[in-house]
Amino acid sequence: MDMSKYDVFELATHLRKCPDTFLQSSDFFSKEGLNSIALINDTYRMISNDFLGNDFEIPSQFDVKYINDNHWRAIHISTWLLSDQNFINNPEIKDKLYNFWFEELRLASEYVKFIEWINDEERAEEMVRLLLHCCGIIPHGENQDEATDKLSSLSSVDRHKVLKQSYEAHERIMNIRREMEEKKAREAANVYGRE
């Protein structure tokens, strides 16, 4: 998709101006909370330019119960990002939003507190790049490889995997050292016992 108008810096700046209203809890968790499903449907309508449409992909009532408040708030914030003029009346991306909201953003939200999406520059850029990636849009001034590398370098999910692998490798090394020291101690004890 030739979408060279998608400037990551401009989109991240727009995201970081997210009004406090979008930071509210979901109505699934608070009586005064935002109606999350209505917000999603309104975003679908704005993007698809189908204001009478009602046939949008949303989680089932059963699945909605498994979405935590941090994830809902990240979705709310992302609907603000999607209100940027670059996304309005852009029906090509409509079918890609479900995956962004309920798969990719869910995974990232396991490691990112909702407020970080707007208060932290790297997390804001991560959300922008994650959305663009899910929509098959290459950011302005980048090629596919650059866009993929930059998303990977910011990805909270990838960073967590690397930290976990590093921790597990460290644990293996420590276990091997401990086993070697125990073996050395047993051998020394055997030699000492024979003397």
N, C-alpha and C. Protein backbone atom coordinates (compact mmCIF):
# COMPACT_ATOMS: atom_id res chain seq x y z
N MET A 1 0.84 -1.17 0.00
CA MET A 1 0.00 0.00 0.00
C MET A 1 0.90 1.24 0.00
N ASP A 2 0.74 2.13 -0.95
CA ASP A 2 1.55 3.34 -0.98
C ASP A 2 0.92 4.37 -0.06
N MET A 3 1.41 4.39 1.15
CA MET A 3 0.86 5.30 2.16
C MET A 3 1.96 6.18 2.70
N SER A 4 2.68 6.85 1.83
CA SER A 4 3.83 7.62 2.25
C SER A 4 3.47 8.79 3.16
N LYS A 5 2.19 9.09 3.30
CA LYS A 5 1.79 10.21 4.15
C LYS A 5 1.87 9.85 5.63
N TYR A 6 2.12 8.60 5.97
CA TYR A 6 2.13 8.17 7.38
C TYR A 6 3.48 8.43 8.01
N ASP A 7 3.62 9.61 8.63
CA ASP A 7 4.84 10.00 9.28
C ASP A 7 4.78 9.55 10.75
N VAL A 8 5.71 8.72 11.15
CA VAL A 8 5.70 8.14 12.50
C VAL A 8 5.77 9.23 13.57
N PHE A 9 6.63 10.23 13.37
CA PHE A 9 6.78 11.29 14.36
C PHE A 9 5.46 12.06 14.53
N GLU A 10 4.83 12.42 13.41
CA GLU A 10 3.56 13.16 13.48
C GLU A 10 2.47 12.32 14.15
N LEU A 11 2.40 11.04 13.82
CA LEU A 11 1.38 10.18 14.42
C LEU A 11 1.64 9.99 15.92
N ALA A 12 2.90 9.83 16.30
CA ALA A 12 3.22 9.70 17.73
C ALA A 12 2.90 10.98 18.47
N THR A 13 3.13 12.12 17.85
CA THR A 13 2.77 13.40 18.46
C THR A 13 1.26 13.49 18.65
N HIS A 14 0.51 13.09 17.65
CA HIS A 14 -0.95 13.06 17.77
C HIS A 14 -1.37 12.13 18.91
N LEU A 15 -0.78 10.96 18.96
CA LEU A 15 -1.12 9.98 20.00
C LEU A 15 -0.86 10.55 21.39
N ARG A 16 0.26 11.23 21.56
CA ARG A 16 0.65 11.74 22.89
C ARG A 16 -0.23 12.90 23.34
N LYS A 17 -1.07 13.43 22.44
CA LYS A 17 -2.03 14.48 22.80
C LYS A 17 -3.39 13.87 23.14
N CYS A 18 -3.42 12.60 23.39
CA CYS A 18 -4.66 11.89 23.68
C CYS A 18 -5.39 12.54 24.86
N PRO A 19 -6.66 12.92 24.67
CA PRO A 19 -7.42 13.53 25.78
C PRO A 19 -7.66 12.53 26.92
N ASP A 20 -7.79 13.06 28.12
CA ASP A 20 -7.99 12.23 29.31
C ASP A 20 -9.21 11.33 29.20
N THR A 21 -10.21 11.74 28.46
CA THR A 21 -11.43 10.94 28.31
C THR A 21 -11.10 9.52 27.84
N PHE A 22 -10.13 9.40 26.94
CA PHE A 22 -9.78 8.10 26.38
C PHE A 22 -9.00 7.23 27.37
N LEU A 23 -8.55 7.83 28.46
CA LEU A 23 -7.78 7.09 29.46
C LEU A 23 -8.68 6.42 30.50
N GLN A 24 -9.96 6.71 30.42
CA GLN A 24 -10.90 6.16 31.40
C GLN A 24 -10.99 4.64 31.29
N SER A 25 -11.39 4.06 32.38
CA SER A 25 -11.64 2.63 32.44
C SER A 25 -12.79 2.28 31.49
N SER A 26 -12.87 1.03 31.12
CA SER A 26 -13.97 0.54 30.29
C SER A 26 -15.24 0.42 31.12
N ASP A 27 -16.38 0.53 30.47
CA ASP A 27 -17.65 0.33 31.18
C ASP A 27 -17.81 -1.13 31.63
N PHE A 28 -16.94 -2.00 31.21
CA PHE A 28 -16.95 -3.38 31.71
C PHE A 28 -16.40 -3.44 33.13
N PHE A 29 -15.68 -2.37 33.55
CA PHE A 29 -15.06 -2.34 34.87
C PHE A 29 -15.57 -1.22 35.76
N SER A 30 -16.24 -0.24 35.18
CA SER A 30 -16.71 0.91 35.95
C SER A 30 -18.00 1.45 35.34
N LYS A 31 -18.96 1.77 36.19
CA LYS A 31 -20.23 2.31 35.69
C LYS A 31 -20.02 3.61 34.91
N GLU A 32 -19.04 4.41 35.35
CA GLU A 32 -18.77 5.68 34.70
C GLU A 32 -17.77 5.53 33.55
N GLY A 33 -17.36 4.32 33.26
CA GLY A 33 -16.34 4.10 32.24
C GLY A 33 -16.83 4.33 30.82
N LEU A 34 -15.88 4.34 29.91
CA LEU A 34 -16.20 4.50 28.49
C LEU A 34 -16.90 3.25 27.96
N ASN A 35 -17.86 3.45 27.08
CA ASN A 35 -18.50 2.32 26.41
C ASN A 35 -17.54 1.85 25.32
N SER A 36 -16.75 0.86 25.65
CA SER A 36 -15.65 0.41 24.78
C SER A 36 -16.15 -0.09 23.43
N ILE A 37 -17.22 -0.86 23.44
CA ILE A 37 -17.73 -1.42 22.18
C ILE A 37 -18.26 -0.31 21.29
N ALA A 38 -18.95 0.67 21.86
CA ALA A 38 -19.44 1.81 21.06
C ALA A 38 -18.27 2.59 20.47
N LEU A 39 -17.21 2.78 21.25
CA LEU A 39 -16.03 3.49 20.78
C LEU A 39 -15.38 2.75 19.61
N ILE A 40 -15.29 1.44 19.73
CA ILE A 40 -14.73 0.64 18.63
C ILE A 40 -15.61 0.73 17.39
N ASN A 41 -16.92 0.59 17.57
CA ASN A 41 -17.83 0.68 16.42
C ASN A 41 -17.76 2.06 15.76
N ASP A 42 -17.68 3.12 16.57
CA ASP A 42 -17.55 4.47 16.01
C ASP A 42 -16.26 4.62 15.23
N THR A 43 -15.19 4.01 15.72
CA THR A 43 -13.90 4.07 15.03
C THR A 43 -13.99 3.33 13.69
N TYR A 44 -14.60 2.14 13.72
CA TYR A 44 -14.82 1.41 12.46
C TYR A 44 -15.59 2.28 11.46
N ARG A 45 -16.65 2.95 11.94
CA ARG A 45 -17.48 3.78 11.06
C ARG A 45 -16.66 4.92 10.46
N MET A 46 -15.85 5.57 11.28
CA MET A 46 -15.05 6.70 10.84
C MET A 46 -14.01 6.25 9.80
N ILE A 47 -13.42 5.11 10.04
CA ILE A 47 -12.38 4.62 9.13
C ILE A 47 -12.97 4.12 7.81
N SER A 48 -14.09 3.42 7.91
CA SER A 48 -14.70 2.84 6.70
C SER A 48 -15.59 3.82 5.97
N ASN A 49 -15.88 4.97 6.62
CA ASN A 49 -16.79 5.96 6.07
C ASN A 49 -18.18 5.35 5.82
N ASP A 50 -18.55 4.43 6.71
CA ASP A 50 -19.85 3.76 6.63
C ASP A 50 -20.58 4.03 7.95
N PHE A 51 -21.23 5.19 8.01
CA PHE A 51 -21.81 5.63 9.27
C PHE A 51 -23.11 4.93 9.62
N LEU A 52 -23.66 4.16 8.69
CA LEU A 52 -24.86 3.39 8.99
C LEU A 52 -24.52 1.93 9.27
N GLY A 53 -23.27 1.57 9.03
CA GLY A 53 -22.85 0.18 9.20
C GLY A 53 -22.92 -0.29 10.64
N ASN A 54 -23.22 -1.55 10.79
CA ASN A 54 -23.28 -2.16 12.11
C ASN A 54 -22.59 -3.51 12.12
N ASP A 55 -22.06 -3.90 10.98
CA ASP A 55 -21.49 -5.24 10.83
C ASP A 55 -19.97 -5.16 10.98
N PHE A 56 -19.52 -4.86 12.21
CA PHE A 56 -18.10 -4.71 12.47
C PHE A 56 -17.62 -5.85 13.35
N GLU A 57 -16.37 -6.22 13.16
CA GLU A 57 -15.81 -7.35 13.91
C GLU A 57 -15.41 -6.90 15.32
N ILE A 58 -16.12 -7.47 16.29
CA ILE A 58 -15.83 -7.22 17.70
C ILE A 58 -15.81 -8.56 18.42
N PRO A 59 -15.19 -8.63 19.59
CA PRO A 59 -15.16 -9.90 20.32
C PRO A 59 -16.57 -10.31 20.77
N SER A 60 -16.76 -11.59 20.93
CA SER A 60 -18.04 -12.09 21.41
C SER A 60 -18.22 -11.66 22.87
N GLN A 61 -19.44 -11.72 23.35
CA GLN A 61 -19.71 -11.39 24.76
C GLN A 61 -18.88 -12.27 25.68
N PHE A 62 -18.67 -13.52 25.28
CA PHE A 62 -17.85 -14.44 26.07
C PHE A 62 -16.40 -13.96 26.12
N ASP A 63 -15.84 -13.63 24.95
CA ASP A 63 -14.43 -13.22 24.88
C ASP A 63 -14.16 -11.88 25.55
N VAL A 64 -15.15 -11.00 25.54
CA VAL A 64 -15.00 -9.68 26.15
C VAL A 64 -14.63 -9.79 27.62
N LYS A 65 -15.10 -10.82 28.28
CA LYS A 65 -14.83 -11.01 29.72
C LYS A 65 -13.35 -11.23 30.01
N TYR A 66 -12.61 -11.65 29.00
CA TYR A 66 -11.20 -11.96 29.20
C TYR A 66 -10.27 -10.79 28.88
N ILE A 67 -10.84 -9.67 28.51
CA ILE A 67 -10.03 -8.49 28.21
C ILE A 67 -9.89 -7.68 29.49
N ASN A 68 -8.66 -7.47 29.94
CA ASN A 68 -8.47 -6.73 31.19
C ASN A 68 -8.54 -5.22 30.96
N ASP A 69 -8.64 -4.49 32.05
CA ASP A 69 -8.84 -3.04 31.95
C ASP A 69 -7.66 -2.34 31.30
N ASN A 70 -6.45 -2.78 31.56
CA ASN A 70 -5.28 -2.16 30.93
C ASN A 70 -5.35 -2.29 29.41
N HIS A 71 -5.77 -3.47 28.95
CA HIS A 71 -5.91 -3.69 27.51
C HIS A 71 -7.02 -2.81 26.94
N TRP A 72 -8.17 -2.72 27.62
CA TRP A 72 -9.25 -1.85 27.13
C TRP A 72 -8.78 -0.41 27.02
N ARG A 73 -8.04 0.06 28.02
CA ARG A 73 -7.57 1.44 27.99
C ARG A 73 -6.59 1.66 26.83
N ALA A 74 -5.76 0.66 26.54
CA ALA A 74 -4.86 0.75 25.38
C ALA A 74 -5.68 0.83 24.10
N ILE A 75 -6.76 0.07 24.02
CA ILE A 75 -7.65 0.14 22.85
C ILE A 75 -8.26 1.54 22.75
N HIS A 76 -8.73 2.08 23.88
CA HIS A 76 -9.31 3.43 23.87
C HIS A 76 -8.29 4.42 23.31
N ILE A 77 -7.05 4.34 23.81
CA ILE A 77 -6.00 5.26 23.36
C ILE A 77 -5.75 5.08 21.86
N SER A 78 -5.78 3.83 21.41
CA SER A 78 -5.53 3.58 19.98
C SER A 78 -6.66 4.13 19.10
N THR A 79 -7.88 4.20 19.64
CA THR A 79 -8.97 4.80 18.84
C THR A 79 -8.70 6.30 18.65
N TRP A 80 -8.05 6.93 19.65
CA TRP A 80 -7.64 8.32 19.47
C TRP A 80 -6.60 8.41 18.35
N LEU A 81 -5.63 7.53 18.36
CA LEU A 81 -4.63 7.50 17.29
C LEU A 81 -5.32 7.35 15.93
N LEU A 82 -6.31 6.49 15.86
CA LEU A 82 -7.02 6.24 14.60
C LEU A 82 -7.91 7.41 14.18
N SER A 83 -8.07 8.40 15.07
CA SER A 83 -8.85 9.58 14.69
C SER A 83 -8.00 10.57 13.88
N ASP A 84 -6.71 10.27 13.73
CA ASP A 84 -5.85 11.12 12.90
C ASP A 84 -6.37 11.11 11.47
N GLN A 85 -6.25 12.26 10.80
CA GLN A 85 -6.79 12.42 9.45
C GLN A 85 -6.29 11.37 8.46
N ASN A 86 -5.11 10.80 8.68
CA ASN A 86 -4.57 9.80 7.77
C ASN A 86 -5.38 8.51 7.76
N PHE A 87 -6.11 8.24 8.85
CA PHE A 87 -6.86 6.99 8.95
C PHE A 87 -8.34 7.16 8.61
N ILE A 88 -8.84 8.38 8.68
CA ILE A 88 -10.26 8.63 8.41
C ILE A 88 -10.57 8.34 6.95
N ASN A 89 -11.69 7.67 6.72
CA ASN A 89 -12.13 7.31 5.37
C ASN A 89 -11.05 6.50 4.65
N ASN A 90 -10.61 5.45 5.32
CA ASN A 90 -9.56 4.58 4.80
C ASN A 90 -10.03 3.13 4.95
N PRO A 91 -11.06 2.74 4.19
CA PRO A 91 -11.68 1.42 4.39
C PRO A 91 -10.76 0.22 4.18
N GLU A 92 -9.62 0.42 3.50
CA GLU A 92 -8.69 -0.69 3.27
C GLU A 92 -8.17 -1.27 4.58
N ILE A 93 -8.11 -0.48 5.64
CA ILE A 93 -7.53 -0.96 6.89
C ILE A 93 -8.58 -1.53 7.86
N LYS A 94 -9.85 -1.35 7.56
CA LYS A 94 -10.92 -1.75 8.48
C LYS A 94 -10.78 -3.21 8.93
N ASP A 95 -10.53 -4.10 7.99
CA ASP A 95 -10.46 -5.53 8.32
C ASP A 95 -9.19 -5.92 9.06
N LYS A 96 -8.28 -4.99 9.22
CA LYS A 96 -7.02 -5.28 9.90
C LYS A 96 -7.03 -4.82 11.36
N LEU A 97 -8.05 -4.08 11.74
CA LEU A 97 -8.08 -3.50 13.08
C LEU A 97 -8.35 -4.54 14.16
N TYR A 98 -9.15 -5.55 13.88
CA TYR A 98 -9.44 -6.57 14.90
C TYR A 98 -8.13 -7.21 15.37
N ASN A 99 -7.29 -7.60 14.42
CA ASN A 99 -6.01 -8.21 14.77
C ASN A 99 -5.15 -7.23 15.58
N PHE A 100 -5.14 -5.97 15.18
CA PHE A 100 -4.38 -4.97 15.93
C PHE A 100 -4.91 -4.86 17.36
N TRP A 101 -6.21 -4.65 17.51
CA TRP A 101 -6.79 -4.41 18.84
C TRP A 101 -6.75 -5.63 19.75
N PHE A 102 -7.14 -6.79 19.20
CA PHE A 102 -7.41 -7.94 20.07
C PHE A 102 -6.35 -9.04 20.03
N GLU A 103 -5.33 -8.85 19.21
CA GLU A 103 -4.21 -9.79 19.21
C GLU A 103 -2.91 -9.05 19.57
N GLU A 104 -2.46 -8.20 18.66
CA GLU A 104 -1.16 -7.54 18.83
C GLU A 104 -1.14 -6.59 20.02
N LEU A 105 -2.18 -5.76 20.17
CA LEU A 105 -2.22 -4.83 21.30
C LEU A 105 -2.42 -5.56 22.62
N ARG A 106 -3.13 -6.67 22.57
CA ARG A 106 -3.30 -7.50 23.78
C ARG A 106 -1.94 -8.00 24.26
N LEU A 107 -1.15 -8.52 23.35
CA LEU A 107 0.19 -9.02 23.72
C LEU A 107 1.06 -7.90 24.27
N ALA A 108 1.09 -6.77 23.59
CA ALA A 108 1.92 -5.65 24.04
C ALA A 108 1.44 -5.12 25.38
N SER A 109 0.13 -5.12 25.61
CA SER A 109 -0.43 -4.59 26.85
C SER A 109 -0.09 -5.44 28.07
N GLU A 110 0.38 -6.65 27.84
CA GLU A 110 0.84 -7.48 28.95
C GLU A 110 2.09 -6.88 29.59
N TYR A 111 2.83 -6.06 28.83
CA TYR A 111 4.09 -5.50 29.30
C TYR A 111 4.09 -3.98 29.39
N VAL A 112 3.03 -3.34 28.91
CA VAL A 112 2.98 -1.88 28.88
C VAL A 112 1.74 -1.40 29.62
N LYS A 113 1.94 -0.59 30.65
CA LYS A 113 0.82 0.03 31.36
C LYS A 113 0.21 1.08 30.43
N PHE A 114 -1.13 1.15 30.39
CA PHE A 114 -1.82 1.99 29.39
C PHE A 114 -1.29 3.42 29.31
N ILE A 115 -0.96 4.01 30.44
CA ILE A 115 -0.52 5.41 30.45
C ILE A 115 0.81 5.59 29.72
N GLU A 116 1.62 4.53 29.67
CA GLU A 116 2.92 4.61 28.98
C GLU A 116 2.77 4.82 27.48
N TRP A 117 1.63 4.40 26.91
CA TRP A 117 1.43 4.59 25.47
C TRP A 117 1.45 6.07 25.09
N ILE A 118 1.10 6.94 26.05
CA ILE A 118 1.13 8.37 25.74
C ILE A 118 2.21 9.13 26.49
N ASN A 119 2.66 8.63 27.63
CA ASN A 119 3.66 9.34 28.42
C ASN A 119 5.09 8.99 28.05
N ASP A 120 5.30 7.89 27.39
CA ASP A 120 6.64 7.43 27.03
C ASP A 120 6.79 7.51 25.51
N GLU A 121 7.80 8.24 25.06
CA GLU A 121 8.00 8.44 23.61
C GLU A 121 8.17 7.12 22.86
N GLU A 122 8.95 6.21 23.43
CA GLU A 122 9.19 4.94 22.75
C GLU A 122 7.93 4.09 22.67
N ARG A 123 7.14 4.10 23.74
CA ARG A 123 5.89 3.31 23.72
C ARG A 123 4.90 3.92 22.73
N ALA A 124 4.86 5.26 22.65
CA ALA A 124 3.98 5.91 21.67
C ALA A 124 4.40 5.51 20.26
N GLU A 125 5.70 5.55 20.00
CA GLU A 125 6.18 5.14 18.68
C GLU A 125 5.89 3.66 18.44
N GLU A 126 6.01 2.85 19.48
CA GLU A 126 5.70 1.43 19.33
C GLU A 126 4.25 1.22 18.91
N MET A 127 3.31 1.94 19.57
CA MET A 127 1.90 1.77 19.19
C MET A 127 1.67 2.21 17.75
N VAL A 128 2.26 3.34 17.36
CA VAL A 128 2.10 3.82 15.99
C VAL A 128 2.63 2.77 15.01
N ARG A 129 3.83 2.29 15.27
CA ARG A 129 4.44 1.32 14.35
C ARG A 129 3.68 -0.01 14.34
N LEU A 130 3.17 -0.42 15.49
CA LEU A 130 2.40 -1.66 15.57
C LEU A 130 1.12 -1.53 14.73
N LEU A 131 0.44 -0.39 14.85
CA LEU A 131 -0.77 -0.16 14.06
C LEU A 131 -0.45 -0.15 12.57
N LEU A 132 0.57 0.59 12.19
CA LEU A 132 0.94 0.65 10.77
C LEU A 132 1.30 -0.74 10.25
N HIS A 133 2.05 -1.49 11.03
CA HIS A 133 2.45 -2.84 10.64
C HIS A 133 1.21 -3.72 10.44
N CYS A 134 0.30 -3.69 11.39
CA CYS A 134 -0.91 -4.52 11.30
C CYS A 134 -1.76 -4.14 10.09
N CYS A 135 -1.70 -2.86 9.72
CA CYS A 135 -2.50 -2.38 8.58
C CYS A 135 -1.75 -2.52 7.24
N GLY A 136 -0.53 -3.03 7.30
CA GLY A 136 0.24 -3.20 6.07
C GLY A 136 0.71 -1.88 5.48
N ILE A 137 0.94 -0.89 6.33
CA ILE A 137 1.35 0.44 5.88
C ILE A 137 2.82 0.65 6.23
N ILE A 138 3.58 1.08 5.24
CA ILE A 138 5.00 1.39 5.45
C ILE A 138 5.09 2.88 5.76
N PRO A 139 5.73 3.23 6.88
CA PRO A 139 5.83 4.65 7.26
C PRO A 139 6.57 5.48 6.23
N HIS A 140 6.24 6.75 6.21
CA HIS A 140 6.87 7.72 5.32
C HIS A 140 8.39 7.70 5.49
N GLY A 141 9.10 7.65 4.37
CA GLY A 141 10.56 7.73 4.39
C GLY A 141 11.26 6.43 4.75
N GLU A 142 10.52 5.33 4.85
CA GLU A 142 11.13 4.04 5.21
C GLU A 142 10.76 2.99 4.16
N ASN A 143 11.56 1.93 4.11
CA ASN A 143 11.17 0.78 3.31
C ASN A 143 10.70 -0.32 4.27
N GLN A 144 10.26 -1.42 3.73
CA GLN A 144 9.69 -2.50 4.55
C GLN A 144 10.69 -3.01 5.59
N ASP A 145 11.94 -3.22 5.18
CA ASP A 145 12.95 -3.74 6.11
C ASP A 145 13.22 -2.76 7.25
N GLU A 146 13.34 -1.48 6.92
CA GLU A 146 13.57 -0.47 7.95
C GLU A 146 12.40 -0.42 8.93
N ALA A 147 11.19 -0.45 8.40
CA ALA A 147 9.99 -0.39 9.25
C ALA A 147 9.93 -1.60 10.18
N THR A 148 10.24 -2.77 9.64
CA THR A 148 10.23 -4.00 10.45
C THR A 148 11.30 -3.94 11.53
N ASP A 149 12.51 -3.50 11.17
CA ASP A 149 13.60 -3.39 12.15
C ASP A 149 13.27 -2.40 13.27
N LYS A 150 12.71 -1.27 12.90
CA LYS A 150 12.39 -0.25 13.91
C LYS A 150 11.29 -0.73 14.85
N LEU A 151 10.29 -1.42 14.31
CA LEU A 151 9.24 -1.97 15.18
C LEU A 151 9.84 -3.02 16.11
N SER A 152 10.67 -3.89 15.57
CA SER A 152 11.29 -4.94 16.37
C SER A 152 12.14 -4.36 17.50
N SER A 153 12.86 -3.26 17.20
CA SER A 153 13.72 -2.66 18.22
C SER A 153 12.91 -2.01 19.34
N LEU A 154 11.66 -1.64 19.07
CA LEU A 154 10.81 -1.00 20.07
C LEU A 154 9.85 -1.97 20.76
N SER A 155 9.66 -3.13 20.18
CA SER A 155 8.62 -4.05 20.62
C SER A 155 8.78 -4.50 22.06
N SER A 156 7.76 -4.21 22.87
CA SER A 156 7.77 -4.65 24.28
C SER A 156 7.70 -6.16 24.37
N VAL A 157 6.98 -6.79 23.46
CA VAL A 157 6.87 -8.25 23.45
C VAL A 157 8.23 -8.86 23.13
N ASP A 158 8.89 -8.35 22.09
CA ASP A 158 10.22 -8.86 21.72
C ASP A 158 11.23 -8.62 22.83
N ARG A 159 11.20 -7.44 23.45
CA ARG A 159 12.13 -7.13 24.52
C ARG A 159 11.94 -8.10 25.68
N HIS A 160 10.69 -8.39 26.01
CA HIS A 160 10.41 -9.33 27.10
C HIS A 160 10.95 -10.73 26.76
N LYS A 161 10.79 -11.15 25.50
CA LYS A 161 11.31 -12.46 25.08
C LYS A 161 12.82 -12.52 25.24
N VAL A 162 13.50 -11.44 24.82
CA VAL A 162 14.96 -11.39 24.91
C VAL A 162 15.40 -11.43 26.37
N LEU A 163 14.73 -10.65 27.21
CA LEU A 163 15.07 -10.66 28.64
C LEU A 163 14.85 -12.04 29.26
N LYS A 164 13.75 -12.67 28.87
CA LYS A 164 13.44 -14.00 29.40
C LYS A 164 14.50 -15.01 28.94
N GLN A 165 14.88 -14.96 27.66
CA GLN A 165 15.90 -15.87 27.14
C GLN A 165 17.24 -15.61 27.83
N SER A 166 17.56 -14.35 28.04
CA SER A 166 18.81 -13.99 28.71
C SER A 166 18.82 -14.52 30.14
N TYR A 167 17.70 -14.34 30.84
CA TYR A 167 17.58 -14.83 32.21
C TYR A 167 17.72 -16.36 32.24
N GLU A 168 17.05 -17.05 31.29
CA GLU A 168 17.13 -18.51 31.25
C GLU A 168 18.54 -18.98 30.94
N ALA A 169 19.24 -18.28 30.04
CA ALA A 169 20.64 -18.63 29.72
C ALA A 169 21.52 -18.42 30.95
N HIS A 170 21.30 -17.33 31.66
CA HIS A 170 22.05 -17.05 32.89
C HIS A 170 21.80 -18.15 33.92
N GLU A 171 20.54 -18.56 34.06
CA GLU A 171 20.20 -19.64 35.00
C GLU A 171 20.90 -20.94 34.63
N ARG A 172 20.95 -21.27 33.33
CA ARG A 172 21.64 -22.49 32.88
C ARG A 172 23.12 -22.43 33.22
N ILE A 173 23.75 -21.27 32.97
CA ILE A 173 25.17 -21.10 33.28
C ILE A 173 25.40 -21.27 34.79
N MET A 174 24.54 -20.66 35.58
CA MET A 174 24.69 -20.76 37.04
C MET A 174 24.50 -22.21 37.51
N ASN A 175 23.56 -22.92 36.91
CA ASN A 175 23.34 -24.34 37.27
C ASN A 175 24.56 -25.18 36.91
N ILE A 176 25.14 -24.94 35.73
CA ILE A 176 26.33 -25.68 35.31
C ILE A 176 27.49 -25.40 36.27
N ARG A 177 27.68 -24.13 36.62
CA ARG A 177 28.75 -23.77 37.56
C ARG A 177 28.55 -24.46 38.91
N ARG A 178 27.29 -24.42 39.40
CA ARG A 178 26.99 -25.04 40.69
C ARG A 178 27.27 -26.55 40.63
N GLU A 179 26.85 -27.19 39.53
CA GLU A 179 27.09 -28.63 39.38
C GLU A 179 28.59 -28.93 39.32
N MET A 180 29.35 -28.07 38.62
CA MET A 180 30.79 -28.28 38.52
C MET A 180 31.45 -28.11 39.89
N GLU A 181 31.01 -27.12 40.66
CA GLU A 181 31.56 -26.90 42.00
C GLU A 181 31.22 -28.07 42.93
N GLU A 182 29.99 -28.58 42.81
CA GLU A 182 29.58 -29.72 43.63
C GLU A 182 30.42 -30.95 43.27
N LYS A 183 30.63 -31.16 41.95
CA LYS A 183 31.43 -32.29 41.50
C LYS A 183 32.87 -32.17 42.01
N LYS A 184 33.41 -30.95 41.91
CA LYS A 184 34.77 -30.70 42.38
C LYS A 184 34.86 -30.95 43.89
N ALA A 185 33.83 -30.52 44.63
CA ALA A 185 33.81 -30.73 46.09
C ALA A 185 33.73 -32.21 46.42
N ARG A 186 32.92 -32.98 45.67
CA ARG A 186 32.80 -34.43 45.90
C ARG A 186 34.13 -35.12 45.61
N GLU A 187 34.77 -34.72 44.48
CA GLU A 187 36.06 -35.32 44.13
C GLU A 187 37.11 -35.00 45.19
N ALA A 188 37.09 -33.76 45.67
CA ALA A 188 38.05 -33.38 46.73
C ALA A 188 37.77 -34.16 47.99
N ALA A 189 36.49 -34.38 48.29
CA ALA A 189 36.12 -35.15 49.49
C ALA A 189 36.55 -36.59 49.32
N ASN A 190 36.43 -37.15 48.14
CA ASN A 190 36.85 -38.54 47.89
C ASN A 190 38.35 -38.68 48.06
N VAL A 191 39.11 -37.74 47.51
CA VAL A 191 40.56 -37.76 47.64
C VAL A 191 40.94 -37.62 49.10
N TYR A 192 40.32 -36.72 49.80
CA TYR A 192 40.59 -36.49 51.22
C TYR A 192 40.23 -37.72 52.05
N GLY A 193 39.13 -38.39 51.67
CA GLY A 193 38.67 -39.59 52.41
C GLY A 193 39.61 -40.77 52.21
N ARG A 194 40.33 -40.83 51.10
CA ARG A 194 41.22 -41.95 50.83
C ARG A 194 42.56 -41.76 51.53
N GLU A 195 42.91 -40.54 51.90
CA GLU A 195 44.22 -40.31 52.50
C GLU A 195 44.26 -40.69 53.92
